[in-house]
């Protein structure tokens, strides 16, 4: 919370994670009675590896942009747990999303969405598929940002589906895009253009971001 508030205020701040790794490296030198040739380099390497392992990947984007399909494949490849926030809402409520909208309206659904976002975003080693409207509530951003690399999946509007999506059916794709695209872009740590299938999108992420095969959608980790 302190670091998030500092970031909002434009204050330079850093957590204690890298310092924790540094303590371990220097403790190893002490216990083993030898010096590492490049202790600072060891610290950076270990810190980056642990971040890749522990950080969540939170997928955001327009409804039907491929977050669930790509998220499942990504989670399997990274060895992380997959969480679909829409599915978790349905499990918790015991009713479908259209039924929730019909009974409680969009505000009622968004409150439930925020609850599930808070529930899962505090954990780690997950790939989280977020609902298309998660960006409509400002409170969801720090929840995701605290422990996740936020990746936006960008898909052409004419390829997006309408079926079973109450807001899309009500407002239309173009209006939703006008309202949400600036927020998706502002929240995202990196943006991936969706291709013709989930595997090609993942491969595009690998090529565009220049990272290894295993962590192709993690993007640039926080320093």
C-alpha atoms as a PDB file:
ATOM      1  CA  UNK A   1       0.000   0.000   0.000  1.00  0.00           C
ATOM      2  CA  UNK A   2       2.840   2.388   0.864  1.00  0.00           C
ATOM      3  CA  UNK A   3       4.612   1.759  -2.446  1.00  0.00           C
ATOM      4  CA  UNK A   4       1.385   2.116  -4.427  1.00  0.00           C
ATOM      5  CA  UNK A   5       0.646   5.454  -2.766  1.00  0.00           C
ATOM      6  CA  UNK A   6       4.194   6.628  -3.395  1.00  0.00           C
ATOM      7  CA  UNK A   7       3.842   5.711  -7.054  1.00  0.00           C
ATOM      8  CA  UNK A   8       0.575   7.668  -7.291  1.00  0.00           C
ATOM      9  CA  UNK A   9       2.393  10.708  -5.885  1.00  0.00           C
ATOM     10  CA  UNK A  10       5.322  10.371  -8.289  1.00  0.00           C
ATOM     11  CA  UNK A  11       7.715   9.496  -5.469  1.00  0.00           C
ATOM     12  CA  UNK A  12      10.618   7.171  -6.235  1.00  0.00           C
ATOM     13  CA  UNK A  13      10.192   4.081  -4.074  1.00  0.00           C
ATOM     14  CA  UNK A  14      11.360   0.476  -3.927  1.00  0.00           C
ATOM     15  CA  UNK A  15      10.302  -2.549  -1.914  1.00  0.00           C
ATOM     16  CA  UNK A  16      12.542  -4.797   0.139  1.00  0.00           C
ATOM     17  CA  UNK A  17      12.516  -7.804  -2.185  1.00  0.00           C
ATOM     18  CA  UNK A  18      15.887  -7.161  -3.831  1.00  0.00           C
ATOM     19  CA  UNK A  19      17.390  -6.333  -0.447  1.00  0.00           C
ATOM     20  CA  UNK A  20      16.129  -9.696   0.852  1.00  0.00           C
ATOM     21  CA  UNK A  21      17.891 -11.482  -2.016  1.00  0.00           C
ATOM     22  CA  UNK A  22      21.041  -9.429  -1.396  1.00  0.00           C
ATOM     23  CA  UNK A  23      21.068 -10.481   2.249  1.00  0.00           C
ATOM     24  CA  UNK A  24      20.876 -14.122   1.163  1.00  0.00           C
ATOM     25  CA  UNK A  25      23.755 -13.728  -1.311  1.00  0.00           C
ATOM     26  CA  UNK A  26      26.005 -12.004   1.189  1.00  0.00           C
ATOM     27  CA  UNK A  27      25.034 -14.513   3.888  1.00  0.00           C
ATOM     28  CA  UNK A  28      26.040 -17.326   1.507  1.00  0.00           C
ATOM     29  CA  UNK A  29      29.413 -15.623   1.026  1.00  0.00           C
ATOM     30  CA  UNK A  30      29.846 -15.447   4.778  1.00  0.00           C
ATOM     31  CA  UNK A  31      28.815 -19.034   5.506  1.00  0.00           C
ATOM     32  CA  UNK A  32      30.781 -20.492   2.587  1.00  0.00           C
ATOM     33  CA  UNK A  33      33.793 -18.254   3.288  1.00  0.00           C
ATOM     34  CA  UNK A  34      34.145 -17.205  -0.336  1.00  0.00           C
ATOM     35  CA  UNK A  35      33.219 -14.279  -2.549  1.00  0.00           C
ATOM     36  CA  UNK A  36      31.044 -14.470  -5.636  1.00  0.00           C
ATOM     37  CA  UNK A  37      32.795 -13.113  -8.711  1.00  0.00           C
ATOM     38  CA  UNK A  38      29.820 -10.824  -9.423  1.00  0.00           C
ATOM     39  CA  UNK A  39      27.616 -10.525  -6.325  1.00  0.00           C
ATOM     40  CA  UNK A  40      25.526  -7.602  -7.711  1.00  0.00           C
ATOM     41  CA  UNK A  41      24.939  -9.605 -10.897  1.00  0.00           C
ATOM     42  CA  UNK A  42      23.902 -12.659  -8.868  1.00  0.00           C
ATOM     43  CA  UNK A  43      21.449 -10.495  -6.929  1.00  0.00           C
ATOM     44  CA  UNK A  44      19.888  -9.096 -10.116  1.00  0.00           C
ATOM     45  CA  UNK A  45      19.650 -12.542 -11.738  1.00  0.00           C
ATOM     46  CA  UNK A  46      18.062 -14.214  -8.718  1.00  0.00           C
ATOM     47  CA  UNK A  47      15.664 -11.321  -8.129  1.00  0.00           C
ATOM     48  CA  UNK A  48      14.480 -11.374 -11.756  1.00  0.00           C
ATOM     49  CA  UNK A  49      14.006 -15.159 -11.702  1.00  0.00           C
ATOM     50  CA  UNK A  50      11.989 -15.038  -8.485  1.00  0.00           C
ATOM     51  CA  UNK A  51       9.808 -12.230  -9.820  1.00  0.00           C
ATOM     52  CA  UNK A  52       9.058 -14.182 -12.989  1.00  0.00           C
ATOM     53  CA  UNK A  53       8.139 -17.185 -10.872  1.00  0.00           C
ATOM     54  CA  UNK A  54       6.044 -15.367  -8.272  1.00  0.00           C
ATOM     55  CA  UNK A  55       4.304 -12.557 -10.176  1.00  0.00           C
ATOM     56  CA  UNK A  56       0.784 -12.998 -11.449  1.00  0.00           C
ATOM     57  CA  UNK A  57      -0.044 -12.280 -15.061  1.00  0.00           C
ATOM     58  CA  UNK A  58      -3.341 -10.386 -15.255  1.00  0.00           C
ATOM     59  CA  UNK A  59      -4.953 -10.393 -18.707  1.00  0.00           C
ATOM     60  CA  UNK A  60      -7.229  -7.479 -19.578  1.00  0.00           C
ATOM     61  CA  UNK A  61      -8.969  -6.447 -22.778  1.00  0.00           C
ATOM     62  CA  UNK A  62     -12.282  -6.205 -24.573  1.00  0.00           C
ATOM     63  CA  UNK A  63     -14.885  -8.951 -24.078  1.00  0.00           C
ATOM     64  CA  UNK A  64     -14.050 -12.065 -26.183  1.00  0.00           C
ATOM     65  CA  UNK A  65     -10.516 -10.831 -26.924  1.00  0.00           C
ATOM     66  CA  UNK A  66      -9.138 -14.254 -25.969  1.00  0.00           C
ATOM     67  CA  UNK A  67      -8.243 -13.755 -22.308  1.00  0.00           C
ATOM     68  CA  UNK A  68      -9.622 -17.098 -21.125  1.00  0.00           C
ATOM     69  CA  UNK A  69      -8.275 -19.217 -23.999  1.00  0.00           C
ATOM     70  CA  UNK A  70      -4.841 -17.621 -23.967  1.00  0.00           C
ATOM     71  CA  UNK A  71      -4.809 -17.492 -20.173  1.00  0.00           C
ATOM     72  CA  UNK A  72      -5.315 -21.246 -19.829  1.00  0.00           C
ATOM     73  CA  UNK A  73      -2.524 -21.994 -22.306  1.00  0.00           C
ATOM     74  CA  UNK A  74      -0.215 -19.478 -20.662  1.00  0.00           C
ATOM     75  CA  UNK A  75      -0.862 -20.818 -17.169  1.00  0.00           C
ATOM     76  CA  UNK A  76      -0.094 -24.358 -18.282  1.00  0.00           C
ATOM     77  CA  UNK A  77       3.165 -23.322 -19.892  1.00  0.00           C
ATOM     78  CA  UNK A  78       4.278 -21.211 -16.946  1.00  0.00           C
ATOM     79  CA  UNK A  79       3.212 -23.739 -14.338  1.00  0.00           C
ATOM     80  CA  UNK A  80       0.925 -21.197 -12.713  1.00  0.00           C
ATOM     81  CA  UNK A  81      -2.646 -21.492 -11.467  1.00  0.00           C
ATOM     82  CA  UNK A  82      -5.302 -20.227 -13.879  1.00  0.00           C
ATOM     83  CA  UNK A  83      -8.093 -18.035 -12.509  1.00  0.00           C
ATOM     84  CA  UNK A  84     -11.010 -16.745 -14.566  1.00  0.00           C
ATOM     85  CA  UNK A  85     -12.659 -13.982 -12.537  1.00  0.00           C
ATOM     86  CA  UNK A  86     -15.985 -14.328 -14.366  1.00  0.00           C
ATOM     87  CA  UNK A  87     -16.046 -18.047 -13.551  1.00  0.00           C
ATOM     88  CA  UNK A  88     -15.255 -17.300  -9.912  1.00  0.00           C
ATOM     89  CA  UNK A  89     -18.160 -14.852  -9.718  1.00  0.00           C
ATOM     90  CA  UNK A  90     -20.518 -17.503 -11.127  1.00  0.00           C
ATOM     91  CA  UNK A  91     -19.210 -20.077  -8.611  1.00  0.00           C
ATOM     92  CA  UNK A  92     -19.586 -17.692  -5.676  1.00  0.00           C
ATOM     93  CA  UNK A  93     -23.103 -16.601  -6.673  1.00  0.00           C
ATOM     94  CA  UNK A  94     -24.460 -19.887  -8.014  1.00  0.00           C
ATOM     95  CA  UNK A  95     -25.993 -18.132 -11.034  1.00  0.00           C
ATOM     96  CA  UNK A  96     -24.944 -16.911 -14.443  1.00  0.00           C
ATOM     97  CA  UNK A  97     -23.614 -13.459 -15.226  1.00  0.00           C
ATOM     98  CA  UNK A  98     -26.703 -12.513 -17.286  1.00  0.00           C
ATOM     99  CA  UNK A  99     -28.850 -13.546 -14.303  1.00  0.00           C
ATOM    100  CA  UNK A 100     -26.774 -11.347 -11.963  1.00  0.00           C
ATOM    101  CA  UNK A 101     -27.172  -8.402 -14.332  1.00  0.00           C
ATOM    102  CA  UNK A 102     -30.905  -8.993 -14.583  1.00  0.00           C
ATOM    103  CA  UNK A 103     -31.350  -9.143 -10.810  1.00  0.00           C
ATOM    104  CA  UNK A 104     -28.872  -6.524  -9.569  1.00  0.00           C
ATOM    105  CA  UNK A 105     -27.849  -4.468 -12.568  1.00  0.00           C
ATOM    106  CA  UNK A 106     -24.345  -3.554 -13.634  1.00  0.00           C
ATOM    107  CA  UNK A 107     -23.457  -1.904 -10.300  1.00  0.00           C
ATOM    108  CA  UNK A 108     -24.303  -5.100  -8.433  1.00  0.00           C
ATOM    109  CA  UNK A 109     -22.185  -7.172 -10.786  1.00  0.00           C
ATOM    110  CA  UNK A 110     -19.239  -4.766 -10.613  1.00  0.00           C
ATOM    111  CA  UNK A 111     -19.263  -4.957  -6.815  1.00  0.00           C
ATOM    112  CA  UNK A 112     -19.024  -8.749  -7.013  1.00  0.00           C
ATOM    113  CA  UNK A 113     -16.281  -8.465  -9.621  1.00  0.00           C
ATOM    114  CA  UNK A 114     -14.284  -6.191  -7.321  1.00  0.00           C
ATOM    115  CA  UNK A 115     -14.656  -8.693  -4.476  1.00  0.00           C
ATOM    116  CA  UNK A 116     -13.233 -11.529  -6.568  1.00  0.00           C
ATOM    117  CA  UNK A 117     -10.466  -9.301  -7.911  1.00  0.00           C
ATOM    118  CA  UNK A 118      -9.433  -8.443  -4.352  1.00  0.00           C
ATOM    119  CA  UNK A 119      -9.652 -12.098  -3.323  1.00  0.00           C
ATOM    120  CA  UNK A 120      -7.314 -13.468  -5.981  1.00  0.00           C
ATOM    121  CA  UNK A 121      -5.034 -10.533  -6.756  1.00  0.00           C
ATOM    122  CA  UNK A 122      -3.416 -10.696  -3.313  1.00  0.00           C
ATOM    123  CA  UNK A 123      -2.077 -14.177  -4.104  1.00  0.00           C
ATOM    124  CA  UNK A 124       0.754 -15.053  -6.471  1.00  0.00           C
ATOM    125  CA  UNK A 125       1.867 -17.506  -9.177  1.00  0.00           C
ATOM    126  CA  UNK A 126      -1.396 -17.143 -11.110  1.00  0.00           C
ATOM    127  CA  UNK A 127      -2.593 -16.191 -14.565  1.00  0.00           C
ATOM    128  CA  UNK A 128      -5.745 -14.143 -14.006  1.00  0.00           C
ATOM    129  CA  UNK A 129      -8.273 -13.641 -16.792  1.00  0.00           C
ATOM    130  CA  UNK A 130     -10.171 -10.457 -15.951  1.00  0.00           C
ATOM    131  CA  UNK A 131     -13.631  -9.559 -17.184  1.00  0.00           C
ATOM    132  CA  UNK A 132     -13.769  -6.947 -19.910  1.00  0.00           C
ATOM    133  CA  UNK A 133     -15.260  -4.392 -17.517  1.00  0.00           C
ATOM    134  CA  UNK A 134     -12.741  -4.765 -14.697  1.00  0.00           C
ATOM    135  CA  UNK A 135     -11.219  -1.432 -15.764  1.00  0.00           C
ATOM    136  CA  UNK A 136     -14.478   0.436 -15.147  1.00  0.00           C
ATOM    137  CA  UNK A 137     -13.711   0.577 -11.392  1.00  0.00           C
ATOM    138  CA  UNK A 138     -10.598   2.510 -10.384  1.00  0.00           C
ATOM    139  CA  UNK A 139     -10.260   0.431  -7.211  1.00  0.00           C
ATOM    140  CA  UNK A 140      -9.425  -2.661  -9.264  1.00  0.00           C
ATOM    141  CA  UNK A 141      -6.203  -1.213 -10.668  1.00  0.00           C
ATOM    142  CA  UNK A 142      -4.129  -1.190  -7.446  1.00  0.00           C
ATOM    143  CA  UNK A 143      -5.515  -4.625  -6.613  1.00  0.00           C
ATOM    144  CA  UNK A 144      -4.073  -6.027  -9.843  1.00  0.00           C
ATOM    145  CA  UNK A 145      -1.008  -3.808  -9.975  1.00  0.00           C
ATOM    146  CA  UNK A 146       0.202  -4.764  -6.503  1.00  0.00           C
ATOM    147  CA  UNK A 147       1.237  -8.278  -7.499  1.00  0.00           C
ATOM    148  CA  UNK A 148       0.717  -8.722 -11.242  1.00  0.00           C
ATOM    149  CA  UNK A 149       2.143  -7.957 -14.620  1.00  0.00           C
ATOM    150  CA  UNK A 150      -0.887  -6.519 -16.443  1.00  0.00           C
ATOM    151  CA  UNK A 151      -1.102  -7.566 -20.087  1.00  0.00           C
ATOM    152  CA  UNK A 152      -3.673  -6.184 -22.509  1.00  0.00           C
ATOM    153  CA  UNK A 153      -4.854  -8.461 -25.326  1.00  0.00           C
ATOM    154  CA  UNK A 154      -5.762  -6.260 -28.272  1.00  0.00           C
ATOM    155  CA  UNK A 155      -8.084  -7.810 -30.836  1.00  0.00           C
ATOM    156  CA  UNK A 156      -9.823  -6.251 -33.839  1.00  0.00           C
ATOM    157  CA  UNK A 157     -13.303  -5.046 -32.941  1.00  0.00           C
ATOM    158  CA  UNK A 158     -14.991  -6.865 -35.821  1.00  0.00           C
ATOM    159  CA  UNK A 159     -13.678 -10.184 -34.435  1.00  0.00           C
ATOM    160  CA  UNK A 160     -15.293  -9.780 -31.007  1.00  0.00           C
ATOM    161  CA  UNK A 161     -18.319 -11.891 -30.075  1.00  0.00           C
ATOM    162  CA  UNK A 162     -21.600 -10.561 -28.661  1.00  0.00           C
ATOM    163  CA  UNK A 163     -23.386 -13.691 -27.440  1.00  0.00           C
ATOM    164  CA  UNK A 164     -23.910 -13.994 -23.679  1.00  0.00           C
ATOM    165  CA  UNK A 165     -22.391 -10.574 -22.956  1.00  0.00           C
ATOM    166  CA  UNK A 166     -24.986  -8.218 -21.452  1.00  0.00           C
ATOM    167  CA  UNK A 167     -23.033  -4.963 -21.734  1.00  0.00           C
ATOM    168  CA  UNK A 168     -21.888  -5.681 -25.292  1.00  0.00           C
ATOM    169  CA  UNK A 169     -25.456  -6.475 -26.326  1.00  0.00           C
ATOM    170  CA  UNK A 170     -26.738  -3.325 -24.658  1.00  0.00           C
ATOM    171  CA  UNK A 171     -24.131  -0.771 -25.713  1.00  0.00           C
ATOM    172  CA  UNK A 172     -22.445  -2.272 -28.764  1.00  0.00           C
ATOM    173  CA  UNK A 173     -18.769  -2.977 -29.377  1.00  0.00           C
ATOM    174  CA  UNK A 174     -17.857   0.457 -30.722  1.00  0.00           C
ATOM    175  CA  UNK A 175     -19.235   2.318 -27.710  1.00  0.00           C
ATOM    176  CA  UNK A 176     -17.553  -0.075 -25.297  1.00  0.00           C
ATOM    177  CA  UNK A 177     -14.244   0.352 -27.087  1.00  0.00           C
ATOM    178  CA  UNK A 178     -14.550   4.125 -26.946  1.00  0.00           C
ATOM    179  CA  UNK A 179     -15.134   3.984 -23.194  1.00  0.00           C
ATOM    180  CA  UNK A 180     -12.652   1.294 -22.236  1.00  0.00           C
ATOM    181  CA  UNK A 181      -9.699   1.295 -24.622  1.00  0.00           C
ATOM    182  CA  UNK A 182      -7.993   4.309 -23.014  1.00  0.00           C
ATOM    183  CA  UNK A 183      -8.262   2.582 -19.636  1.00  0.00           C
ATOM    184  CA  UNK A 184      -6.949  -0.733 -20.927  1.00  0.00           C
ATOM    185  CA  UNK A 185      -3.937   1.042 -22.384  1.00  0.00           C
ATOM    186  CA  UNK A 186      -3.335   3.073 -19.222  1.00  0.00           C
ATOM    187  CA  UNK A 187      -3.486  -0.017 -16.973  1.00  0.00           C
ATOM    188  CA  UNK A 188      -1.367  -2.296 -19.161  1.00  0.00           C
ATOM    189  CA  UNK A 189       2.313  -2.958 -18.566  1.00  0.00           C
ATOM    190  CA  UNK A 190       2.428  -4.351 -22.098  1.00  0.00           C
ATOM    191  CA  UNK A 191       0.016  -4.764 -25.016  1.00  0.00           C
ATOM    192  CA  UNK A 192      -0.186  -7.878 -27.198  1.00  0.00           C
ATOM    193  CA  UNK A 193      -2.037  -7.918 -30.519  1.00  0.00           C
ATOM    194  CA  UNK A 194      -4.228 -11.029 -30.757  1.00  0.00           C
ATOM    195  CA  UNK A 195      -3.670 -13.234 -33.799  1.00  0.00           C
ATOM    196  CA  UNK A 196      -5.793 -15.944 -35.418  1.00  0.00           C
ATOM    197  CA  UNK A 197      -5.417 -18.364 -32.494  1.00  0.00           C
ATOM    198  CA  UNK A 198      -4.196 -18.433 -28.905  1.00  0.00           C
ATOM    199  CA  UNK A 199      -0.917 -20.165 -29.804  1.00  0.00           C
ATOM    200  CA  UNK A 200      -0.046 -17.511 -32.384  1.00  0.00           C
ATOM    201  CA  UNK A 201      -0.877 -14.734 -29.950  1.00  0.00           C
ATOM    202  CA  UNK A 202       1.449 -16.316 -27.419  1.00  0.00           C
ATOM    203  CA  UNK A 203       4.159 -16.664 -30.051  1.00  0.00           C
ATOM    204  CA  UNK A 204       3.682 -13.008 -30.997  1.00  0.00           C
ATOM    205  CA  UNK A 205       4.201 -12.071 -27.376  1.00  0.00           C
ATOM    206  CA  UNK A 206       7.422 -14.065 -27.371  1.00  0.00           C
ATOM    207  CA  UNK A 207       8.693 -12.287 -30.474  1.00  0.00           C
ATOM    208  CA  UNK A 208       7.551  -8.764 -29.632  1.00  0.00           C
ATOM    209  CA  UNK A 209       8.774  -8.777 -26.032  1.00  0.00           C
ATOM    210  CA  UNK A 210      12.017 -10.608 -26.637  1.00  0.00           C
ATOM    211  CA  UNK A 211      11.667 -12.902 -23.616  1.00  0.00           C
ATOM    212  CA  UNK A 212      12.138 -16.672 -23.258  1.00  0.00           C
ATOM    213  CA  UNK A 213       9.710 -19.352 -24.401  1.00  0.00           C
ATOM    214  CA  UNK A 214       8.458 -20.062 -20.884  1.00  0.00           C
ATOM    215  CA  UNK A 215       7.631 -16.479 -19.893  1.00  0.00           C
ATOM    216  CA  UNK A 216       6.592 -15.048 -23.265  1.00  0.00           C
ATOM    217  CA  UNK A 217       3.742 -12.880 -21.932  1.00  0.00           C
ATOM    218  CA  UNK A 218       5.329 -11.607 -18.743  1.00  0.00           C
ATOM    219  CA  UNK A 219       6.698  -8.516 -20.465  1.00  0.00           C
ATOM    220  CA  UNK A 220       9.193  -6.248 -18.817  1.00  0.00           C
ATOM    221  CA  UNK A 221       9.314  -7.024 -15.084  1.00  0.00           C
ATOM    222  CA  UNK A 222       9.309  -4.222 -12.551  1.00  0.00           C
ATOM    223  CA  UNK A 223      12.850  -3.179 -11.663  1.00  0.00           C
END
